[in-house]
Amino acid sequence: MTHHFEVGDAEKFGVNAAIILSNIKFWISKNRANEKHQHEGRTWTYNSVKAFSELFPYLTNKQVRTAIDKLVKKGVLIQGRFNKLSYDHTKWFALADEETICPQGQKVLPSGANGFALGGNAIPYSKPYKKPDMEEVVEYMIEKLPLINEGWTPERVRKAVTLKYETCSDNGWKDGHGKKILNWKLKFQNMLKFEKPWSYTDKTMPATSQKPQAARIL
């Protein structure tokens, strides 16, 4: 995967902020062309710090947050909240000078195109590849899988992750298309989100379709 940023933005705000800004520019241009997310006379896009850090795995949550804060402080970005649910705190972003940065008629890539190819200089993904430690994967999935299905106990998560981890190792940490698995968090979530947790049981328990009982409400 190749990510892009504009040299001028990098010189003014730093590389991290330029990368985030390039992504936001793309989606605002796309939304503007499709007349989506129009609020208060501006075009908006939204994302969370966590989503940005997963989209750009070489940036930590802190680096993403710092980059966004810098762009807001410099008057490049405006933050807003247009979520339908009151408890949804997803951040929305608009460009302070939308007309100059994304003028009407600017070419927008079609749906499915590379969301970062808006011109500027490309920076290849050059971070040395490092496979995750299995305990790191187990701890992450113990946090995530119960949100999908309450039947995922820590013991079942460990058994499932161990099997999938061994499969990834046997495949040289490549996906079905022969490409390196760069985002292991997303990969393991996709591999296990449709799995039945009760199939990963102790040998003393029948590995049949025993579904966990619903939690009692006291």
N, C-alpha and C. Protein backbone atom coordinates (compact mmCIF):
# COMPACT_ATOMS: atom_id res chain seq x y z
N MET A 1 0.84 -1.18 0.00
CA MET A 1 0.00 0.00 0.00
C MET A 1 0.88 1.24 0.00
N THR A 2 0.49 2.26 -0.74
CA THR A 2 1.23 3.50 -0.81
C THR A 2 0.37 4.63 -0.28
N HIS A 3 0.90 5.40 0.66
CA HIS A 3 0.22 6.55 1.20
C HIS A 3 0.86 7.81 0.65
N HIS A 4 0.10 8.91 0.63
CA HIS A 4 0.58 10.15 0.03
C HIS A 4 0.44 11.33 0.98
N PHE A 5 1.24 12.34 0.74
CA PHE A 5 1.06 13.61 1.41
C PHE A 5 1.62 14.70 0.50
N GLU A 6 1.24 15.95 0.78
CA GLU A 6 1.73 17.08 0.00
C GLU A 6 2.94 17.68 0.71
N VAL A 7 3.99 17.93 -0.06
CA VAL A 7 5.25 18.43 0.51
C VAL A 7 5.01 19.75 1.26
N GLY A 8 4.20 20.62 0.68
CA GLY A 8 3.94 21.91 1.32
C GLY A 8 3.30 21.75 2.69
N ASP A 9 2.36 20.81 2.78
CA ASP A 9 1.71 20.55 4.07
C ASP A 9 2.71 19.98 5.07
N ALA A 10 3.59 19.09 4.60
CA ALA A 10 4.59 18.49 5.49
C ALA A 10 5.55 19.54 6.02
N GLU A 11 5.91 20.51 5.17
CA GLU A 11 6.82 21.58 5.59
C GLU A 11 6.18 22.47 6.64
N LYS A 12 4.89 22.70 6.51
CA LYS A 12 4.20 23.61 7.43
C LYS A 12 3.74 22.93 8.72
N PHE A 13 3.28 21.67 8.60
CA PHE A 13 2.64 21.03 9.75
C PHE A 13 3.34 19.76 10.23
N GLY A 14 4.32 19.27 9.46
CA GLY A 14 4.96 18.01 9.79
C GLY A 14 4.38 16.88 8.97
N VAL A 15 5.14 15.80 8.82
CA VAL A 15 4.71 14.69 7.97
C VAL A 15 3.45 14.02 8.49
N ASN A 16 3.38 13.76 9.80
CA ASN A 16 2.21 13.07 10.35
C ASN A 16 0.92 13.84 10.07
N ALA A 17 0.96 15.13 10.31
CA ALA A 17 -0.23 15.96 10.06
C ALA A 17 -0.55 16.01 8.57
N ALA A 18 0.48 16.02 7.72
CA ALA A 18 0.26 16.06 6.27
C ALA A 18 -0.42 14.79 5.78
N ILE A 19 -0.06 13.65 6.37
CA ILE A 19 -0.67 12.38 5.99
C ILE A 19 -2.16 12.38 6.36
N ILE A 20 -2.47 12.81 7.59
CA ILE A 20 -3.86 12.87 8.04
C ILE A 20 -4.65 13.86 7.18
N LEU A 21 -4.05 15.01 6.92
CA LEU A 21 -4.74 16.04 6.14
C LEU A 21 -5.03 15.57 4.72
N SER A 22 -4.12 14.81 4.13
CA SER A 22 -4.33 14.30 2.77
C SER A 22 -5.55 13.39 2.72
N ASN A 23 -5.69 12.55 3.75
CA ASN A 23 -6.85 11.66 3.81
C ASN A 23 -8.14 12.45 3.96
N ILE A 24 -8.11 13.45 4.85
CA ILE A 24 -9.32 14.26 5.07
C ILE A 24 -9.69 15.05 3.82
N LYS A 25 -8.69 15.58 3.13
CA LYS A 25 -8.96 16.31 1.88
C LYS A 25 -9.66 15.41 0.86
N PHE A 26 -9.18 14.17 0.76
CA PHE A 26 -9.78 13.26 -0.21
C PHE A 26 -11.26 13.05 0.07
N TRP A 27 -11.59 12.74 1.34
CA TRP A 27 -12.97 12.43 1.66
C TRP A 27 -13.87 13.66 1.60
N ILE A 28 -13.33 14.81 1.92
CA ILE A 28 -14.15 16.02 1.78
C ILE A 28 -14.40 16.33 0.30
N SER A 29 -13.39 16.14 -0.54
CA SER A 29 -13.59 16.32 -1.99
C SER A 29 -14.64 15.36 -2.51
N LYS A 30 -14.55 14.11 -2.07
CA LYS A 30 -15.50 13.08 -2.51
C LYS A 30 -16.91 13.40 -2.03
N ASN A 31 -17.03 13.77 -0.75
CA ASN A 31 -18.35 14.10 -0.19
C ASN A 31 -18.93 15.35 -0.84
N ARG A 32 -18.06 16.29 -1.14
CA ARG A 32 -18.53 17.52 -1.79
C ARG A 32 -19.08 17.21 -3.18
N ALA A 33 -18.38 16.38 -3.94
CA ALA A 33 -18.84 16.02 -5.29
C ALA A 33 -20.16 15.26 -5.24
N ASN A 34 -20.34 14.44 -4.18
CA ASN A 34 -21.55 13.63 -4.05
C ASN A 34 -22.62 14.32 -3.20
N GLU A 35 -22.34 15.57 -2.77
CA GLU A 35 -23.27 16.36 -1.96
C GLU A 35 -23.69 15.60 -0.71
N LYS A 36 -22.69 15.03 -0.04
CA LYS A 36 -22.94 14.30 1.20
C LYS A 36 -22.34 15.06 2.38
N HIS A 37 -22.90 14.82 3.56
CA HIS A 37 -22.40 15.38 4.82
C HIS A 37 -22.21 16.90 4.73
N GLN A 38 -23.26 17.57 4.28
CA GLN A 38 -23.25 19.02 4.19
C GLN A 38 -23.90 19.60 5.45
N HIS A 39 -23.14 20.33 6.23
CA HIS A 39 -23.66 20.93 7.47
C HIS A 39 -23.07 22.33 7.63
N GLU A 40 -23.91 23.26 8.02
CA GLU A 40 -23.47 24.61 8.35
C GLU A 40 -22.65 25.25 7.20
N GLY A 41 -23.04 24.95 5.99
CA GLY A 41 -22.39 25.54 4.83
C GLY A 41 -21.03 24.95 4.50
N ARG A 42 -20.70 23.81 5.09
CA ARG A 42 -19.41 23.16 4.83
C ARG A 42 -19.63 21.69 4.50
N THR A 43 -18.58 21.08 3.95
CA THR A 43 -18.58 19.65 3.68
C THR A 43 -17.73 18.98 4.75
N TRP A 44 -18.25 17.88 5.32
CA TRP A 44 -17.59 17.24 6.45
C TRP A 44 -17.24 15.78 6.16
N THR A 45 -16.30 15.28 6.90
CA THR A 45 -16.00 13.85 6.93
C THR A 45 -15.76 13.49 8.39
N TYR A 46 -15.78 12.21 8.70
CA TYR A 46 -15.62 11.83 10.11
C TYR A 46 -14.75 10.59 10.24
N ASN A 47 -14.11 10.50 11.37
CA ASN A 47 -13.28 9.34 11.70
C ASN A 47 -12.86 9.46 13.16
N SER A 48 -12.41 8.36 13.73
CA SER A 48 -11.93 8.38 15.11
C SER A 48 -10.42 8.29 15.12
N VAL A 49 -9.81 8.67 16.24
CA VAL A 49 -8.36 8.56 16.38
C VAL A 49 -7.93 7.11 16.21
N LYS A 50 -8.68 6.20 16.80
CA LYS A 50 -8.35 4.78 16.71
C LYS A 50 -8.40 4.30 15.27
N ALA A 51 -9.43 4.74 14.53
CA ALA A 51 -9.56 4.32 13.13
C ALA A 51 -8.40 4.86 12.30
N PHE A 52 -8.00 6.11 12.55
CA PHE A 52 -6.86 6.68 11.84
C PHE A 52 -5.59 5.88 12.11
N SER A 53 -5.38 5.49 13.38
CA SER A 53 -4.15 4.77 13.73
C SER A 53 -4.14 3.37 13.13
N GLU A 54 -5.32 2.79 12.91
CA GLU A 54 -5.37 1.48 12.25
C GLU A 54 -5.21 1.64 10.74
N LEU A 55 -5.70 2.74 10.23
CA LEU A 55 -5.55 3.03 8.79
C LEU A 55 -4.09 3.33 8.45
N PHE A 56 -3.42 4.01 9.38
CA PHE A 56 -2.00 4.33 9.23
C PHE A 56 -1.25 3.63 10.38
N PRO A 57 -0.92 2.36 10.22
CA PRO A 57 -0.36 1.57 11.34
C PRO A 57 0.98 2.04 11.85
N TYR A 58 1.63 2.95 11.14
CA TYR A 58 2.91 3.48 11.61
C TYR A 58 2.72 4.71 12.50
N LEU A 59 1.46 5.13 12.74
CA LEU A 59 1.15 6.24 13.63
C LEU A 59 0.42 5.72 14.86
N THR A 60 0.85 6.15 16.03
CA THR A 60 0.18 5.77 17.26
C THR A 60 -1.04 6.66 17.48
N ASN A 61 -1.90 6.26 18.42
CA ASN A 61 -3.06 7.10 18.75
C ASN A 61 -2.61 8.50 19.16
N LYS A 62 -1.54 8.57 19.94
CA LYS A 62 -1.04 9.87 20.41
C LYS A 62 -0.55 10.71 19.24
N GLN A 63 0.16 10.09 18.29
CA GLN A 63 0.65 10.83 17.13
C GLN A 63 -0.50 11.36 16.27
N VAL A 64 -1.54 10.54 16.12
CA VAL A 64 -2.71 10.97 15.34
C VAL A 64 -3.39 12.14 16.04
N ARG A 65 -3.59 12.00 17.35
CA ARG A 65 -4.26 13.06 18.11
C ARG A 65 -3.45 14.36 18.07
N THR A 66 -2.13 14.25 18.20
CA THR A 66 -1.28 15.43 18.15
C THR A 66 -1.35 16.11 16.78
N ALA A 67 -1.36 15.28 15.71
CA ALA A 67 -1.43 15.83 14.34
C ALA A 67 -2.75 16.56 14.12
N ILE A 68 -3.85 15.98 14.58
CA ILE A 68 -5.16 16.62 14.40
C ILE A 68 -5.23 17.91 15.21
N ASP A 69 -4.75 17.87 16.45
CA ASP A 69 -4.76 19.07 17.29
C ASP A 69 -3.95 20.19 16.64
N LYS A 70 -2.83 19.83 16.01
CA LYS A 70 -1.99 20.83 15.36
C LYS A 70 -2.74 21.47 14.18
N LEU A 71 -3.42 20.65 13.39
CA LEU A 71 -4.16 21.16 12.23
C LEU A 71 -5.31 22.06 12.66
N VAL A 72 -5.95 21.72 13.78
CA VAL A 72 -7.03 22.55 14.30
C VAL A 72 -6.46 23.87 14.83
N LYS A 73 -5.37 23.78 15.60
CA LYS A 73 -4.75 24.97 16.18
C LYS A 73 -4.25 25.92 15.10
N LYS A 74 -3.74 25.35 13.99
CA LYS A 74 -3.23 26.16 12.89
C LYS A 74 -4.34 26.75 12.02
N GLY A 75 -5.60 26.35 12.33
CA GLY A 75 -6.71 26.91 11.58
C GLY A 75 -6.96 26.24 10.25
N VAL A 76 -6.43 25.02 10.05
CA VAL A 76 -6.64 24.29 8.81
C VAL A 76 -7.91 23.45 8.88
N LEU A 77 -8.13 22.83 10.02
CA LEU A 77 -9.30 21.98 10.22
C LEU A 77 -10.26 22.60 11.22
N ILE A 78 -11.53 22.27 11.06
CA ILE A 78 -12.57 22.63 12.01
C ILE A 78 -13.21 21.33 12.48
N GLN A 79 -13.43 21.20 13.77
CA GLN A 79 -14.06 20.00 14.30
C GLN A 79 -15.53 20.27 14.60
N GLY A 80 -16.34 19.23 14.46
CA GLY A 80 -17.76 19.36 14.75
C GLY A 80 -18.34 18.04 15.22
N ARG A 81 -19.61 18.05 15.59
CA ARG A 81 -20.32 16.83 15.99
C ARG A 81 -21.69 16.83 15.34
N PHE A 82 -21.89 15.87 14.47
CA PHE A 82 -23.17 15.74 13.78
C PHE A 82 -23.68 14.30 13.87
N ASN A 83 -23.37 13.64 14.97
CA ASN A 83 -23.78 12.25 15.15
C ASN A 83 -25.25 12.18 15.53
N LYS A 84 -25.92 11.16 15.05
CA LYS A 84 -27.35 11.01 15.31
C LYS A 84 -27.61 10.57 16.75
N LEU A 85 -26.66 9.83 17.33
CA LEU A 85 -26.82 9.34 18.69
C LEU A 85 -26.05 10.23 19.65
N SER A 86 -26.65 10.60 20.75
CA SER A 86 -26.04 11.54 21.69
C SER A 86 -24.77 10.99 22.31
N TYR A 87 -24.69 9.65 22.47
CA TYR A 87 -23.51 9.07 23.10
C TYR A 87 -22.40 8.74 22.10
N ASP A 88 -22.64 9.04 20.82
CA ASP A 88 -21.63 8.81 19.79
C ASP A 88 -20.71 10.03 19.73
N HIS A 89 -19.44 9.86 20.09
CA HIS A 89 -18.52 11.00 20.15
C HIS A 89 -17.52 10.99 18.98
N THR A 90 -17.89 10.35 17.87
CA THR A 90 -17.03 10.36 16.69
C THR A 90 -16.79 11.79 16.23
N LYS A 91 -15.53 12.11 15.93
CA LYS A 91 -15.19 13.47 15.52
C LYS A 91 -15.47 13.68 14.02
N TRP A 92 -16.01 14.85 13.70
CA TRP A 92 -16.23 15.27 12.32
C TRP A 92 -15.23 16.38 12.00
N PHE A 93 -14.79 16.42 10.74
CA PHE A 93 -13.79 17.40 10.33
C PHE A 93 -14.22 18.10 9.04
N ALA A 94 -13.95 19.40 9.00
CA ALA A 94 -14.16 20.20 7.79
C ALA A 94 -12.91 21.05 7.58
N LEU A 95 -12.71 21.48 6.35
CA LEU A 95 -11.58 22.34 6.03
C LEU A 95 -11.99 23.79 6.27
N ALA A 96 -11.14 24.53 6.94
CA ALA A 96 -11.45 25.93 7.22
C ALA A 96 -11.58 26.73 5.93
N ASP A 97 -10.78 26.39 4.93
CA ASP A 97 -10.81 27.08 3.64
C ASP A 97 -11.10 26.04 2.55
N GLU A 98 -12.29 25.53 2.57
CA GLU A 98 -12.66 24.45 1.66
C GLU A 98 -12.58 24.87 0.20
N GLU A 99 -12.96 26.08 -0.11
CA GLU A 99 -13.01 26.52 -1.51
C GLU A 99 -11.62 26.59 -2.13
N THR A 100 -10.63 26.94 -1.32
CA THR A 100 -9.27 27.04 -1.85
C THR A 100 -8.62 25.67 -1.96
N ILE A 101 -8.81 24.84 -0.93
CA ILE A 101 -8.16 23.53 -0.90
C ILE A 101 -8.87 22.53 -1.79
N CYS A 102 -10.21 22.57 -1.81
CA CYS A 102 -11.00 21.64 -2.64
C CYS A 102 -11.95 22.45 -3.49
N PRO A 103 -11.46 23.15 -4.52
CA PRO A 103 -12.31 24.00 -5.35
C PRO A 103 -13.37 23.18 -6.09
N GLN A 104 -14.48 23.86 -6.37
CA GLN A 104 -15.56 23.19 -7.10
C GLN A 104 -15.04 22.71 -8.45
N GLY A 105 -15.37 21.47 -8.78
CA GLY A 105 -14.94 20.91 -10.05
C GLY A 105 -13.65 20.14 -9.95
N GLN A 106 -13.02 20.12 -8.76
CA GLN A 106 -11.79 19.34 -8.61
C GLN A 106 -12.08 17.88 -8.87
N LYS A 107 -11.19 17.22 -9.54
CA LYS A 107 -11.38 15.82 -9.89
C LYS A 107 -11.39 14.96 -8.65
N VAL A 108 -12.39 14.11 -8.53
CA VAL A 108 -12.52 13.20 -7.39
C VAL A 108 -12.43 11.78 -7.90
N LEU A 109 -11.69 10.96 -7.23
CA LEU A 109 -11.53 9.58 -7.66
C LEU A 109 -12.83 8.82 -7.51
N PRO A 110 -13.12 7.85 -8.37
CA PRO A 110 -14.34 7.08 -8.26
C PRO A 110 -14.31 6.21 -7.03
N SER A 111 -15.52 5.70 -6.67
CA SER A 111 -15.63 4.84 -5.50
C SER A 111 -14.72 3.63 -5.65
N GLY A 112 -14.00 3.32 -4.57
CA GLY A 112 -13.11 2.16 -4.60
C GLY A 112 -11.70 2.51 -4.99
N ALA A 113 -11.45 3.77 -5.43
CA ALA A 113 -10.10 4.16 -5.82
C ALA A 113 -9.26 4.39 -4.58
N ASN A 114 -7.97 4.48 -4.77
CA ASN A 114 -7.06 4.71 -3.66
C ASN A 114 -7.36 6.04 -3.00
N GLY A 115 -7.76 6.01 -1.75
CA GLY A 115 -8.17 7.21 -1.04
C GLY A 115 -7.05 8.14 -0.68
N PHE A 116 -5.82 7.85 -1.12
CA PHE A 116 -4.71 8.70 -0.76
C PHE A 116 -4.04 9.29 -2.00
N ALA A 117 -4.49 8.92 -3.19
CA ALA A 117 -3.82 9.34 -4.41
C ALA A 117 -4.36 10.68 -4.88
N LEU A 118 -4.09 11.72 -4.12
CA LEU A 118 -4.57 13.05 -4.47
C LEU A 118 -3.44 13.96 -4.92
N GLY A 119 -2.34 13.38 -5.35
CA GLY A 119 -1.21 14.20 -5.73
C GLY A 119 -0.25 14.32 -4.57
N GLY A 120 0.82 15.09 -4.74
CA GLY A 120 1.81 15.20 -3.69
C GLY A 120 2.81 14.07 -3.81
N ASN A 121 3.67 13.95 -2.84
CA ASN A 121 4.73 12.95 -2.88
C ASN A 121 4.33 11.70 -2.11
N ALA A 122 4.57 10.56 -2.72
CA ALA A 122 4.24 9.30 -2.06
C ALA A 122 5.32 8.93 -1.07
N ILE A 123 4.87 8.34 0.05
CA ILE A 123 5.84 7.78 0.98
C ILE A 123 5.55 6.29 1.08
N PRO A 124 6.47 5.46 0.67
CA PRO A 124 6.22 4.02 0.72
C PRO A 124 6.15 3.54 2.15
N TYR A 125 5.43 2.44 2.33
CA TYR A 125 5.37 1.83 3.66
C TYR A 125 6.70 1.14 3.89
N SER A 126 7.60 1.83 4.56
CA SER A 126 8.97 1.35 4.69
C SER A 126 9.30 0.83 6.08
N LYS A 127 8.32 0.83 6.99
CA LYS A 127 8.59 0.33 8.33
C LYS A 127 8.93 -1.15 8.27
N PRO A 128 10.04 -1.57 8.89
CA PRO A 128 10.43 -2.98 8.85
C PRO A 128 9.29 -3.87 9.34
N TYR A 129 9.06 -4.94 8.61
CA TYR A 129 7.95 -5.81 8.98
C TYR A 129 8.28 -6.58 10.25
N LYS A 130 7.34 -6.58 11.18
CA LYS A 130 7.53 -7.29 12.44
C LYS A 130 6.21 -7.98 12.79
N LYS A 131 6.24 -9.30 12.82
CA LYS A 131 5.03 -10.03 13.16
C LYS A 131 4.71 -9.81 14.63
N PRO A 132 3.43 -9.83 15.00
CA PRO A 132 3.05 -9.58 16.39
C PRO A 132 3.39 -10.78 17.27
N ASP A 133 3.61 -10.51 18.54
CA ASP A 133 3.79 -11.58 19.52
C ASP A 133 2.42 -12.19 19.80
N MET A 134 2.38 -13.51 19.99
CA MET A 134 1.09 -14.17 20.17
C MET A 134 0.35 -13.65 21.39
N GLU A 135 1.07 -13.38 22.48
CA GLU A 135 0.42 -12.86 23.68
C GLU A 135 -0.21 -11.50 23.41
N GLU A 136 0.43 -10.72 22.55
CA GLU A 136 -0.12 -9.43 22.18
C GLU A 136 -1.44 -9.60 21.44
N VAL A 137 -1.49 -10.60 20.55
CA VAL A 137 -2.72 -10.88 19.81
C VAL A 137 -3.80 -11.39 20.76
N VAL A 138 -3.43 -12.29 21.66
CA VAL A 138 -4.39 -12.86 22.61
C VAL A 138 -5.01 -11.75 23.46
N GLU A 139 -4.18 -10.88 24.01
CA GLU A 139 -4.69 -9.79 24.86
C GLU A 139 -5.62 -8.86 24.08
N TYR A 140 -5.27 -8.58 22.84
CA TYR A 140 -6.11 -7.70 22.03
C TYR A 140 -7.46 -8.35 21.73
N MET A 141 -7.44 -9.63 21.36
CA MET A 141 -8.67 -10.31 21.00
C MET A 141 -9.53 -10.62 22.22
N ILE A 142 -8.92 -10.81 23.39
CA ILE A 142 -9.71 -10.99 24.62
C ILE A 142 -10.55 -9.74 24.88
N GLU A 143 -10.04 -8.60 24.49
CA GLU A 143 -10.77 -7.34 24.65
C GLU A 143 -11.85 -7.18 23.58
N LYS A 144 -11.58 -7.63 22.35
CA LYS A 144 -12.48 -7.36 21.23
C LYS A 144 -13.57 -8.41 21.03
N LEU A 145 -13.21 -9.69 21.09
CA LEU A 145 -14.16 -10.73 20.71
C LEU A 145 -15.42 -10.79 21.58
N PRO A 146 -15.33 -10.60 22.91
CA PRO A 146 -16.56 -10.62 23.70
C PRO A 146 -17.56 -9.55 23.30
N LEU A 147 -17.11 -8.50 22.64
CA LEU A 147 -18.03 -7.47 22.17
C LEU A 147 -18.86 -7.98 21.00
N ILE A 148 -18.33 -8.99 20.29
CA ILE A 148 -19.04 -9.58 19.15
C ILE A 148 -19.96 -10.70 19.61
N ASN A 149 -19.45 -11.52 20.56
CA ASN A 149 -20.22 -12.66 21.06
C ASN A 149 -19.79 -12.91 22.50
N GLU A 150 -20.76 -12.89 23.42
CA GLU A 150 -20.42 -13.04 24.84
C GLU A 150 -19.90 -14.45 25.16
N GLY A 151 -20.01 -15.37 24.20
CA GLY A 151 -19.50 -16.71 24.42
C GLY A 151 -17.98 -16.81 24.37
N TRP A 152 -17.33 -15.71 23.98
CA TRP A 152 -15.87 -15.72 23.91
C TRP A 152 -15.28 -15.50 25.29
N THR A 153 -14.97 -16.59 25.96
CA THR A 153 -14.26 -16.51 27.23
C THR A 153 -12.77 -16.38 26.95
N PRO A 154 -11.97 -15.92 27.92
CA PRO A 154 -10.53 -15.81 27.70
C PRO A 154 -9.89 -17.11 27.24
N GLU A 155 -10.36 -18.25 27.81
CA GLU A 155 -9.79 -19.54 27.42
C GLU A 155 -10.10 -19.87 25.97
N ARG A 156 -11.30 -19.59 25.53
CA ARG A 156 -11.69 -19.86 24.15
C ARG A 156 -10.95 -18.94 23.18
N VAL A 157 -10.80 -17.68 23.58
CA VAL A 157 -10.05 -16.74 22.74
C VAL A 157 -8.62 -17.23 22.55
N ARG A 158 -8.00 -17.67 23.64
CA ARG A 158 -6.62 -18.14 23.57
C ARG A 158 -6.50 -19.33 22.62
N LYS A 159 -7.44 -20.29 22.72
CA LYS A 159 -7.39 -21.46 21.84
C LYS A 159 -7.55 -21.05 20.38
N ALA A 160 -8.51 -20.15 20.12
CA ALA A 160 -8.78 -19.72 18.74
C ALA A 160 -7.59 -18.95 18.17
N VAL A 161 -7.06 -18.03 18.96
CA VAL A 161 -5.94 -17.22 18.50
C VAL A 161 -4.72 -18.08 18.24
N THR A 162 -4.49 -19.07 19.11
CA THR A 162 -3.34 -19.95 18.93
C THR A 162 -3.40 -20.66 17.59
N LEU A 163 -4.58 -21.18 17.24
CA LEU A 163 -4.73 -21.89 15.97
C LEU A 163 -4.54 -20.95 14.78
N LYS A 164 -5.16 -19.77 14.85
CA LYS A 164 -5.05 -18.82 13.74
C LYS A 164 -3.62 -18.26 13.64
N TYR A 165 -2.99 -18.08 14.78
CA TYR A 165 -1.61 -17.58 14.79
C TYR A 165 -0.68 -18.58 14.11
N GLU A 166 -0.89 -19.87 14.42
CA GLU A 166 -0.06 -20.91 13.79
C GLU A 166 -0.30 -20.95 12.28
N THR A 167 -1.56 -20.75 11.87
CA THR A 167 -1.88 -20.73 10.44
C THR A 167 -1.16 -19.58 9.75
N CYS A 168 -1.20 -18.40 10.38
CA CYS A 168 -0.51 -17.23 9.80
C CYS A 168 0.99 -17.47 9.71
N SER A 169 1.55 -18.10 10.75
CA SER A 169 2.99 -18.38 10.74
C SER A 169 3.34 -19.36 9.63
N ASP A 170 2.51 -20.39 9.45
CA ASP A 170 2.76 -21.37 8.40
C ASP A 170 2.69 -20.73 7.01
N ASN A 171 1.86 -19.68 6.88
CA ASN A 171 1.72 -19.00 5.59
C ASN A 171 2.70 -17.84 5.42
N GLY A 172 3.67 -17.76 6.34
CA GLY A 172 4.66 -16.69 6.24
C GLY A 172 4.08 -15.31 6.47
N TRP A 173 2.99 -15.23 7.25
CA TRP A 173 2.31 -13.97 7.55
C TRP A 173 1.91 -13.24 6.28
N LYS A 174 1.32 -14.02 5.37
CA LYS A 174 0.77 -13.47 4.13
C LYS A 174 -0.69 -13.86 4.03
N ASP A 175 -1.47 -13.01 3.37
CA ASP A 175 -2.89 -13.31 3.21
C ASP A 175 -3.11 -14.25 2.03
N GLY A 176 -4.36 -14.48 1.69
CA GLY A 176 -4.67 -15.40 0.62
C GLY A 176 -4.21 -14.95 -0.75
N HIS A 177 -3.83 -13.67 -0.87
CA HIS A 177 -3.33 -13.13 -2.14
C HIS A 177 -1.80 -13.03 -2.16
N GLY A 178 -1.18 -13.58 -1.10
CA GLY A 178 0.28 -13.56 -1.06
C GLY A 178 0.88 -12.25 -0.59
N LYS A 179 0.06 -11.36 -0.04
CA LYS A 179 0.56 -10.07 0.43
C LYS A 179 0.77 -10.11 1.95
N LYS A 180 1.78 -9.37 2.41
CA LYS A 180 2.08 -9.34 3.83
C LYS A 180 0.89 -8.82 4.63
N ILE A 181 0.64 -9.42 5.77
CA ILE A 181 -0.41 -8.96 6.67
C ILE A 181 0.14 -7.78 7.46
N LEU A 182 -0.21 -6.57 7.06
CA LEU A 182 0.30 -5.37 7.72
C LEU A 182 -0.54 -4.99 8.94
N ASN A 183 -1.84 -5.18 8.85
CA ASN A 183 -2.74 -4.83 9.95
C ASN A 183 -3.25 -6.12 10.59
N TRP A 184 -2.48 -6.67 11.53
CA TRP A 184 -2.84 -7.96 12.12
C TRP A 184 -4.10 -7.85 12.98
N LYS A 185 -4.37 -6.68 13.54
CA LYS A 185 -5.57 -6.51 14.37
C LYS A 185 -6.83 -6.74 13.53
N LEU A 186 -6.86 -6.09 12.37
CA LEU A 186 -8.01 -6.25 11.48
C LEU A 186 -8.08 -7.67 10.95
N LYS A 187 -6.91 -8.26 10.65
CA LYS A 187 -6.87 -9.61 10.11
C LYS A 187 -7.46 -10.62 11.08
N PHE A 188 -7.05 -10.56 12.34
CA PHE A 188 -7.55 -11.52 13.32
C PHE A 188 -9.03 -11.29 13.63
N GLN A 189 -9.46 -10.04 13.63
CA GLN A 189 -10.88 -9.79 13.84
C GLN A 189 -11.71 -10.38 12.71
N ASN A 190 -11.24 -10.21 11.46
CA ASN A 190 -11.97 -10.77 10.33
C ASN A 190 -11.97 -12.29 10.33
N MET A 191 -10.86 -12.90 10.79
CA MET A 191 -10.79 -14.36 10.82
C MET A 191 -11.70 -14.96 11.87
N LEU A 192 -11.95 -14.24 12.96
CA LEU A 192 -12.65 -14.85 14.09
C LEU A 192 -14.06 -14.30 14.34
N LYS A 193 -14.44 -13.22 13.68
CA LYS A 193 -15.72 -12.61 14.02
C LYS A 193 -16.92 -13.49 13.69
N PHE A 194 -16.77 -14.43 12.73
CA PHE A 194 -17.89 -15.31 12.39
C PHE A 194 -17.69 -16.73 12.95
N GLU A 195 -16.63 -16.93 13.71
CA GLU A 195 -16.39 -18.23 14.33
C GLU A 195 -17.34 -18.43 15.51
N LYS A 196 -17.64 -19.69 15.81
CA LYS A 196 -18.49 -20.01 16.95
C LYS A 196 -17.60 -20.24 18.17
N PRO A 197 -17.71 -19.39 19.18
CA PRO A 197 -16.80 -19.50 20.33
C PRO A 197 -16.91 -20.83 21.05
N TRP A 198 -18.11 -21.43 21.08
CA TRP A 198 -18.27 -22.67 21.82
C TRP A 198 -17.64 -23.87 21.12
N SER A 199 -17.11 -23.66 19.91
CA SER A 199 -16.37 -24.74 19.25
C SER A 199 -14.94 -24.82 19.76
N TYR A 200 -14.51 -23.80 20.50
CA TYR A 200 -13.17 -23.80 21.08
C TYR A 200 -13.29 -24.09 22.58
N THR A 201 -13.54 -25.34 22.91
CA THR A 201 -13.77 -25.73 24.29
C THR A 201 -12.69 -26.68 24.77
N ASP A 202 -12.67 -26.94 26.07
CA ASP A 202 -11.76 -27.92 26.62
C ASP A 202 -12.16 -29.31 26.15
N LYS A 203 -11.22 -30.23 26.14
CA LYS A 203 -11.52 -31.59 25.68
C LYS A 203 -12.56 -32.26 26.58
N THR A 204 -12.67 -31.80 27.81
CA THR A 204 -13.63 -32.39 28.73
C THR A 204 -15.04 -31.94 28.42
N MET A 205 -15.16 -30.92 27.57
CA MET A 205 -16.48 -30.41 27.20
C MET A 205 -16.81 -30.85 25.78
N PRO A 206 -18.02 -31.28 25.51
CA PRO A 206 -18.38 -31.70 24.14
C PRO A 206 -18.29 -30.53 23.19
N ALA A 207 -17.50 -30.70 22.13
CA ALA A 207 -17.32 -29.64 21.13
C ALA A 207 -18.44 -29.68 20.13
N THR A 208 -19.68 -29.59 20.63
CA THR A 208 -20.84 -29.59 19.75
C THR A 208 -21.38 -28.18 19.70
N SER A 209 -22.59 -28.06 19.27
CA SER A 209 -23.16 -26.72 19.13
C SER A 209 -23.72 -26.24 20.45
N GLN A 210 -22.92 -26.35 21.53
CA GLN A 210 -23.34 -25.85 22.81
C GLN A 210 -23.20 -24.35 22.84
N LYS A 211 -24.31 -23.67 22.78
CA LYS A 211 -24.27 -22.22 22.81
C LYS A 211 -24.30 -21.77 24.28
N PRO A 212 -23.62 -20.70 24.61
CA PRO A 212 -23.61 -20.23 25.99
C PRO A 212 -24.99 -19.76 26.41
N GLN A 213 -25.35 -20.03 27.67
CA GLN A 213 -26.63 -19.59 28.16
C GLN A 213 -26.63 -18.10 28.32
N ALA A 214 -27.80 -17.54 28.15
CA ALA A 214 -27.91 -16.09 28.28
C ALA A 214 -27.61 -15.69 29.71
N ALA A 215 -26.97 -14.58 29.88
CA ALA A 215 -26.61 -14.12 31.22
C ALA A 215 -27.86 -13.81 32.03
N ARG A 216 -27.85 -14.22 33.31
CA ARG A 216 -28.99 -13.93 34.17
C ARG A 216 -28.95 -12.49 34.62
N ILE A 217 -30.10 -11.90 34.67
CA ILE A 217 -30.23 -10.53 35.16
C ILE A 217 -30.74 -10.56 36.58
N LEU A 218 -29.91 -10.13 37.49
CA LEU A 218 -30.29 -10.16 38.91
C LEU A 218 -30.87 -8.83 39.33
